[in-house]
Amino acid sequence: DDDDDDDEEEEEEWPLQRLVCDAALRRPARASALLGDVILAGGGACAPGFPERLEREVQRSVNAFAPEWGVHVFAPAPADRVVCAWIGASLLASLSSFQRFFVTRAEYDEVGADVVVRRCP
């Protein structure tokens, strides 16, 4: 079906280094600091040479608009990378200042996913 082909062409896939830069640049005042402390987590980040390659590619992208910014990609030991996203989320959830972002099941059932967008702008 030709319509299906058109839909697939409209979807744009970004390389990871572009996603990292885009995420940091959404906070312009902190972009340099954020790019200086990129932390890898998850099993997919355990590929040999992945941290070094990502750091190189992000630095190459950053050099185009801010060559004075340093990029550092921190990668915990592979065994820790698998669980560090969970550990980070559990630490964040334990902070009293984060509890205002909690969404109950009842709120979600009543409002749907929009409750998350409203609560966490």
Protein backbone atom coordinates (compact mmCIF):
# COMPACT_ATOMS: atom_id res chain seq x y z
CA ASP A 1 0.00 0.00 0.00
CA ASP A 2 1.48 3.37 -1.03
CA ASP A 3 0.00 5.15 1.99
CA ASP A 4 1.99 2.91 4.35
CA ASP A 5 5.21 3.75 2.51
CA ASP A 6 4.53 7.49 2.88
CA ASP A 7 3.97 7.13 6.64
CA GLU A 8 7.27 5.29 7.06
CA GLU A 9 9.17 7.97 5.14
CA GLU A 10 7.76 10.72 7.38
CA GLU A 11 9.16 9.11 10.53
CA GLU A 12 12.63 10.44 11.14
CA GLU A 13 15.14 8.38 13.10
CA TRP A 14 17.82 10.33 14.91
CA PRO A 15 21.21 8.93 15.84
CA LEU A 16 21.87 8.69 19.56
CA GLN A 17 24.37 11.55 19.62
CA ARG A 18 21.71 13.87 18.20
CA LEU A 19 19.22 12.76 20.84
CA VAL A 20 21.78 13.43 23.58
CA CYS A 21 22.56 16.91 22.23
CA ASP A 22 18.87 17.71 21.70
CA ALA A 23 18.00 16.68 25.27
CA ALA A 24 20.77 18.87 26.72
CA LEU A 25 19.93 21.85 24.52
CA ARG A 26 16.34 21.86 25.77
CA ARG A 27 17.85 23.42 28.90
CA PRO A 28 20.12 26.08 27.36
CA ALA A 29 21.35 27.48 30.67
CA ARG A 30 22.54 24.02 31.74
CA ALA A 31 23.41 22.43 28.39
CA SER A 32 27.17 22.61 28.89
CA ALA A 33 26.95 21.03 32.35
CA LEU A 34 24.55 18.34 31.14
CA LEU A 35 26.83 17.39 28.25
CA GLY A 36 29.75 17.29 30.66
CA ASP A 37 28.01 14.61 32.72
CA VAL A 38 26.28 12.11 30.41
CA ILE A 39 25.65 8.87 32.30
CA LEU A 40 24.98 5.62 30.47
CA ALA A 41 22.55 3.12 31.92
CA GLY A 42 20.85 -0.06 30.81
CA GLY A 43 21.95 -3.29 29.28
CA GLY A 44 22.23 -1.80 25.78
CA ALA A 45 24.99 0.49 27.02
CA CYS A 46 27.19 -2.52 27.81
CA ALA A 47 28.36 -3.00 24.22
CA PRO A 48 32.17 -2.91 24.03
CA GLY A 49 33.45 0.55 23.10
CA PHE A 50 29.98 2.13 23.28
CA PRO A 51 30.81 4.81 25.90
CA GLU A 52 33.94 5.95 24.05
CA ARG A 53 32.15 6.04 20.70
CA LEU A 54 29.19 7.99 22.07
CA GLU A 55 31.51 10.51 23.74
CA ARG A 56 33.44 11.00 20.47
CA GLU A 57 30.29 11.44 18.40
CA VAL A 58 28.59 13.80 20.84
CA GLN A 59 31.78 15.89 21.09
CA ARG A 60 31.94 16.05 17.29
CA SER A 61 28.35 17.30 17.17
CA VAL A 62 28.91 19.82 19.97
CA ASN A 63 32.05 21.18 18.31
CA ALA A 64 29.88 22.51 15.48
CA PHE A 65 28.15 25.05 17.77
CA ALA A 66 30.14 25.23 21.02
CA PRO A 67 33.71 23.96 20.62
CA GLU A 68 34.62 25.16 24.13
CA TRP A 69 32.16 22.72 25.73
CA GLY A 70 33.62 19.48 26.96
CA VAL A 71 31.66 16.26 26.70
CA HIS A 72 32.14 13.45 29.18
CA VAL A 73 30.28 10.16 29.02
CA PHE A 74 30.42 8.24 32.28
CA ALA A 75 29.77 4.53 32.11
CA PRO A 76 29.57 2.49 35.31
CA ALA A 77 30.91 -1.05 35.16
CA PRO A 78 28.80 -3.17 32.77
CA ALA A 79 27.25 -5.18 35.62
CA ASP A 80 26.11 -1.92 37.27
CA ARG A 81 24.80 -0.37 34.04
CA VAL A 82 22.07 -2.97 33.84
CA VAL A 83 20.53 -1.79 37.13
CA CYS A 84 21.66 1.83 37.50
CA ALA A 85 18.55 3.24 35.78
CA TRP A 86 16.42 1.43 38.34
CA ILE A 87 18.64 2.58 41.21
CA GLY A 88 18.49 6.19 39.99
CA ALA A 89 14.71 6.08 39.68
CA SER A 90 14.35 4.58 43.16
CA LEU A 91 16.55 7.34 44.62
CA LEU A 92 14.55 10.02 42.81
CA ALA A 93 11.25 8.53 43.99
CA SER A 94 12.50 8.52 47.59
CA LEU A 95 13.00 12.31 47.61
CA SER A 96 10.20 14.20 49.34
CA SER A 97 10.53 16.97 46.74
CA PHE A 98 9.69 14.48 43.99
CA GLN A 99 6.45 13.24 45.56
CA ARG A 100 4.46 16.12 44.04
CA PHE A 101 4.97 14.41 40.68
CA PHE A 102 3.46 11.09 41.78
CA VAL A 103 0.34 10.02 39.89
CA THR A 104 -2.05 7.60 41.53
CA ARG A 105 -3.76 4.82 39.64
CA ALA A 106 -7.12 6.51 40.29
CA GLU A 107 -5.88 9.80 38.77
CA TYR A 108 -4.51 7.99 35.76
CA ASP A 109 -7.74 6.01 35.29
CA GLU A 110 -9.78 9.20 35.53
CA VAL A 111 -7.67 11.51 33.32
CA GLY A 112 -5.41 9.21 31.31
CA ALA A 113 -1.86 9.98 30.19
CA ASP A 114 -2.60 13.73 30.16
CA VAL A 115 -2.32 13.73 33.95
CA VAL A 116 1.40 13.01 33.58
CA VAL A 117 1.85 15.87 31.12
CA ARG A 118 0.03 18.26 33.46
CA ARG A 119 1.87 17.12 36.57
CA CYS A 120 5.33 16.95 35.01
CA PRO A 121 5.62 19.83 32.50
